[in-house]
Amino acid sequence: MVLELPLSLDPTRPPIEGETLATLELAQLLVSRVYLGIGVPRGNGRPVLVLPGFLGSDEYLLPLRGWLRRIGYDARASGTLWNVGTPSTRLRQTIVRAEQIVDERNQRLIVVGHSLGGIIARALAALRPDLVAHAITLGSPLNANPRAVSHPLVAQLGEVLLSEEGGKPANDAIEEALLLSPLPDDTCLTSLYSRCDAIVDWHACIPRDPLARAIEVHGTHCGLAWNEEVYRALGPLLASSAP
């Protein structure tokens, strides 16, 4: 498939060039009080599985996992070298990883997912509530088909890199079922989103689940994994997660 630039972009969406500010968000985070753990509620060693976004790997989430460990959590990587392939395949691989951690710790997980990783986190919570106590998503579309609400360039990349072997497009019906599967009452869902997100329409990040929470922060889509406001919100969310 040949990628083509769209003839026009949604004028209400922030310009994608703004996503370059993600590196500034990382720099600001690394010198912040919250990143040092000052004023952040302490964890009790609970396991937290961290899932990368589309095209990402565990490497760019090193700052997040390091911070989680410093404030008292057992932060675990997903084992993802490159987040591509069909969502159903990624979900199956994540279930295996989550089962390994839960068997080891005998405790339900908190799962933090960035972008596509958040979609997988929510699906895991819905399908395997025995594994997940709280799914926390960062800039993840949770109420619409991800391709329909993503920047056109990202959506076109998704058509190629989220397809099945042989280039067959991923089954959108399966993706929508993963998004709409109901959550049990004892599993929490929290969505953190930004209106400055140039990749995902922020409206799509508001969960339909009646008991879910949505928290607005300010920053780029790519930078949500390194955003000081996100980390400030995560501290209380993690500490208040259900057992």
Protein backbone atom coordinates (compact mmCIF):
# COMPACT_ATOMS: atom_id res chain seq x y z
CA MET A 1 0.00 0.00 0.00
CA VAL A 2 1.34 3.47 -0.94
CA LEU A 3 0.98 6.15 1.70
CA GLU A 4 -0.53 9.35 0.35
CA LEU A 5 -0.67 12.72 2.03
CA PRO A 6 -4.29 13.73 2.73
CA LEU A 7 -5.60 16.60 0.65
CA SER A 8 -6.87 18.36 3.76
CA LEU A 9 -6.69 17.88 7.50
CA ASP A 10 -9.29 18.50 10.18
CA PRO A 11 -8.87 22.24 10.94
CA THR A 12 -9.92 21.68 14.55
CA ARG A 13 -7.11 19.20 15.21
CA PRO A 14 -3.86 20.70 16.56
CA PRO A 15 -1.05 20.72 13.95
CA ILE A 16 0.97 17.52 13.98
CA GLU A 17 4.18 19.55 14.04
CA GLY A 18 3.36 20.34 17.65
CA GLU A 19 4.16 16.76 18.58
CA THR A 20 7.86 17.65 18.39
CA LEU A 21 7.35 19.36 21.76
CA ALA A 22 7.25 15.91 23.37
CA THR A 23 11.03 16.11 23.91
CA LEU A 24 10.51 19.35 25.84
CA GLU A 25 7.94 17.59 28.02
CA LEU A 26 10.54 14.91 28.81
CA ALA A 27 13.13 17.55 29.72
CA GLN A 28 10.65 19.32 32.01
CA LEU A 29 9.65 16.05 33.64
CA LEU A 30 13.21 15.00 34.46
CA VAL A 31 13.81 18.15 36.55
CA SER A 32 10.39 18.21 38.22
CA ARG A 33 9.62 17.54 41.88
CA VAL A 34 7.06 14.90 40.95
CA TYR A 35 9.66 12.88 39.03
CA LEU A 36 11.83 12.89 42.12
CA GLY A 37 8.86 11.49 44.03
CA ILE A 38 8.36 14.59 46.17
CA GLY A 39 4.76 14.79 47.37
CA VAL A 40 3.76 11.61 45.52
CA PRO A 41 1.82 8.91 47.42
CA ARG A 42 4.00 5.85 47.99
CA GLY A 43 3.16 2.45 46.58
CA ASN A 44 3.30 -0.89 48.37
CA GLY A 45 5.15 -2.91 45.75
CA ARG A 46 2.11 -3.67 43.63
CA PRO A 47 2.86 -4.84 40.05
CA VAL A 48 2.22 -2.32 37.27
CA LEU A 49 2.39 -3.47 33.65
CA VAL A 50 3.29 -0.66 31.21
CA LEU A 51 2.24 -0.98 27.54
CA PRO A 52 3.71 1.08 24.66
CA GLY A 53 1.82 2.81 21.89
CA PHE A 54 1.69 2.15 18.15
CA LEU A 55 5.20 1.79 16.65
CA GLY A 56 6.67 2.05 20.13
CA SER A 57 8.73 -0.32 22.25
CA ASP A 58 9.38 -0.69 25.96
CA GLU A 59 12.46 1.53 25.62
CA TYR A 60 10.70 4.91 25.44
CA LEU A 61 8.76 4.01 28.60
CA LEU A 62 11.93 3.59 30.68
CA PRO A 63 11.39 6.97 32.44
CA LEU A 64 7.86 5.93 33.44
CA ARG A 65 8.90 2.51 34.72
CA GLY A 66 11.87 4.00 36.59
CA TRP A 67 9.60 6.54 38.29
CA LEU A 68 7.09 3.85 39.22
CA ARG A 69 9.84 1.85 40.90
CA ARG A 70 11.09 4.90 42.80
CA ILE A 71 7.67 5.60 44.28
CA GLY A 72 7.20 2.01 45.38
CA TYR A 73 5.72 -0.10 42.58
CA ASP A 74 6.91 -3.22 40.81
CA ALA A 75 6.96 -1.79 37.26
CA ARG A 76 7.08 -4.38 34.49
CA ALA A 77 7.82 -4.02 30.78
CA SER A 78 5.51 -5.60 28.21
CA GLY A 79 8.22 -7.41 26.26
CA THR A 80 7.32 -5.45 23.12
CA LEU A 81 10.13 -4.78 20.65
CA TRP A 82 7.90 -2.95 18.15
CA ASN A 83 4.18 -2.44 18.65
CA VAL A 84 2.76 -3.54 15.29
CA GLY A 85 0.51 -6.40 14.20
CA THR A 86 -3.21 -6.86 14.71
CA PRO A 87 -4.71 -5.68 18.02
CA SER A 88 -6.04 -9.17 18.68
CA THR A 89 -2.50 -10.57 18.35
CA ARG A 90 -1.11 -7.90 20.66
CA LEU A 91 -3.87 -8.66 23.15
CA ARG A 92 -3.07 -12.37 23.19
CA GLN A 93 0.59 -11.62 23.82
CA THR A 94 -0.31 -9.20 26.61
CA ILE A 95 -2.56 -11.77 28.28
CA VAL A 96 0.37 -14.20 28.41
CA ARG A 97 2.60 -11.52 29.95
CA ALA A 98 -0.07 -10.52 32.48
CA GLU A 99 -0.66 -14.14 33.47
CA GLN A 100 3.06 -14.59 34.14
CA ILE A 101 3.16 -11.57 36.45
CA VAL A 102 -0.05 -12.42 38.31
CA ASP A 103 1.06 -16.03 38.81
CA GLU A 104 4.35 -14.73 40.24
CA ARG A 105 2.87 -12.04 42.49
CA ASN A 106 -0.57 -13.52 43.25
CA GLN A 107 -2.07 -10.05 42.89
CA ARG A 108 -4.13 -8.31 40.23
CA LEU A 109 -2.29 -5.82 38.05
CA ILE A 110 -2.53 -2.15 37.41
CA VAL A 111 -2.01 -1.69 33.66
CA VAL A 112 -0.88 1.66 32.23
CA GLY A 113 -1.11 1.90 28.44
CA HIS A 114 -0.05 4.73 26.13
CA SER A 115 -2.17 5.28 22.99
CA LEU A 116 -2.65 1.84 21.35
CA GLY A 117 -1.28 0.33 24.55
CA GLY A 118 -4.25 1.85 26.37
CA ILE A 119 -6.67 0.14 24.00
CA ILE A 120 -4.99 -3.16 24.80
CA ALA A 121 -5.08 -2.34 28.53
CA ARG A 122 -8.82 -1.69 28.44
CA ALA A 123 -9.48 -4.86 26.43
CA LEU A 124 -7.39 -6.89 28.86
CA ALA A 125 -9.36 -5.47 31.80
CA ALA A 126 -12.67 -6.32 30.13
CA LEU A 127 -11.76 -9.84 29.04
CA ARG A 128 -9.61 -10.87 32.02
CA PRO A 129 -10.74 -9.00 35.13
CA ASP A 130 -9.04 -11.73 37.15
CA LEU A 131 -5.75 -10.20 35.96
CA VAL A 132 -6.48 -6.45 36.05
CA ALA A 133 -7.73 -4.25 38.88
CA HIS A 134 -7.23 -0.88 37.16
CA ALA A 135 -6.54 0.08 33.54
CA ILE A 136 -5.11 3.57 33.04
CA THR A 137 -4.93 4.89 29.48
CA LEU A 138 -2.89 7.80 28.11
CA GLY A 139 -4.29 9.40 24.95
CA SER A 140 -6.15 6.24 23.93
CA PRO A 141 -9.32 6.24 21.77
CA LEU A 142 -11.88 4.35 23.84
CA ASN A 143 -15.24 5.13 22.26
CA ALA A 144 -14.66 4.89 18.50
CA ASN A 145 -12.72 2.95 15.88
CA PRO A 146 -9.10 4.10 16.39
CA ARG A 147 -8.48 4.58 12.65
CA ALA A 148 -11.48 6.86 12.34
CA VAL A 149 -10.29 9.27 15.04
CA SER A 150 -6.53 9.23 14.41
CA HIS A 151 -4.55 11.69 12.32
CA PRO A 152 -4.83 10.63 8.64
CA LEU A 153 -1.12 9.89 8.34
CA VAL A 154 -1.19 7.67 11.42
CA ALA A 155 -4.37 5.99 10.21
CA GLN A 156 -2.72 5.14 6.89
CA LEU A 157 0.30 3.72 8.67
CA GLY A 158 -2.06 1.66 10.78
CA GLU A 159 -3.65 0.19 7.67
CA VAL A 160 -0.24 -1.22 6.78
CA LEU A 161 1.38 -2.05 10.09
CA LEU A 162 -1.67 -3.22 12.05
CA SER A 163 -2.72 -5.62 9.31
CA GLU A 164 -2.66 -9.39 9.33
CA GLU A 165 0.05 -11.42 7.61
CA GLY A 166 -0.16 -11.09 3.84
CA GLY A 167 -1.44 -7.52 4.09
CA LYS A 168 -5.05 -8.40 4.92
CA PRO A 169 -6.58 -5.50 6.88
CA ALA A 170 -7.25 -6.07 10.55
CA ASN A 171 -10.85 -6.89 11.41
CA ASP A 172 -12.44 -3.60 12.53
CA ALA A 173 -15.34 -5.50 14.08
CA ILE A 174 -12.90 -7.28 16.40
CA GLU A 175 -11.29 -3.96 17.34
CA GLU A 176 -14.66 -2.40 18.14
CA ALA A 177 -15.67 -5.43 20.20
CA LEU A 178 -12.47 -5.01 22.24
CA LEU A 179 -13.42 -1.39 22.89
CA LEU A 180 -17.05 -2.03 23.77
CA SER A 181 -16.79 -5.17 25.93
CA PRO A 182 -18.26 -4.15 29.31
CA LEU A 183 -16.04 -3.79 32.34
CA PRO A 184 -16.95 -5.59 35.58
CA ASP A 185 -17.84 -3.42 38.55
CA ASP A 186 -14.65 -4.24 40.46
CA THR A 187 -12.32 -3.19 37.62
CA CYS A 188 -11.45 0.51 37.30
CA LEU A 189 -10.78 2.46 34.11
CA THR A 190 -9.22 5.91 33.99
CA SER A 191 -8.46 7.83 30.81
CA LEU A 192 -5.97 10.70 30.74
CA TYR A 193 -6.26 12.87 27.64
CA SER A 194 -5.17 16.20 26.17
CA ARG A 195 -7.00 18.63 23.90
CA CYS A 196 -3.57 19.46 22.43
CA ASP A 197 -3.30 15.88 21.12
CA ALA A 198 -2.57 16.06 17.37
CA ILE A 199 -2.68 12.29 16.84
CA VAL A 200 -5.97 11.18 18.45
CA ASP A 201 -9.16 13.24 18.60
CA TRP A 202 -9.48 13.94 22.34
CA HIS A 203 -13.26 13.40 22.23
CA ALA A 204 -12.59 9.73 21.49
CA CYS A 205 -10.63 9.39 24.75
CA ILE A 206 -13.72 9.92 26.93
CA PRO A 207 -14.80 6.41 28.01
CA ARG A 208 -18.36 5.20 27.56
CA ASP A 209 -18.10 3.03 30.65
CA PRO A 210 -20.41 4.60 33.26
CA LEU A 211 -17.98 4.14 36.17
CA ALA A 212 -14.84 5.20 34.26
CA ARG A 213 -13.04 8.47 34.91
CA ALA A 214 -11.57 10.94 32.42
CA ILE A 215 -8.87 13.38 33.48
CA GLU A 216 -7.69 16.22 31.25
CA VAL A 217 -4.02 17.16 31.12
CA HIS A 218 -2.08 19.49 28.84
CA GLY A 219 0.52 18.19 26.41
CA THR A 220 1.22 16.37 23.19
CA HIS A 221 0.07 12.87 22.34
CA CYS A 222 3.59 11.46 22.12
CA GLY A 223 4.62 13.26 25.28
CA LEU A 224 1.86 11.84 27.48
CA ALA A 225 4.29 9.11 28.53
CA TRP A 226 6.67 11.84 29.77
CA ASN A 227 4.24 14.53 30.91
CA GLU A 228 4.59 16.07 34.37
CA GLU A 229 0.82 16.55 34.76
CA VAL A 230 0.27 12.89 33.86
CA TYR A 231 2.72 11.74 36.52
CA ARG A 232 1.13 14.06 39.07
CA ALA A 233 -2.26 12.49 38.35
CA LEU A 234 -0.89 8.94 38.30
CA GLY A 235 0.36 9.06 41.88
CA PRO A 236 -3.08 9.25 43.55
CA LEU A 237 -4.68 7.02 40.89
CA LEU A 238 -2.22 4.21 41.54
CA ALA A 239 -2.50 4.57 45.30
CA SER A 240 -6.31 4.39 45.18
CA SER A 241 -6.55 1.38 42.85
CA ALA A 242 -8.79 -1.48 43.92
CA PRO A 243 -7.12 -4.59 45.38
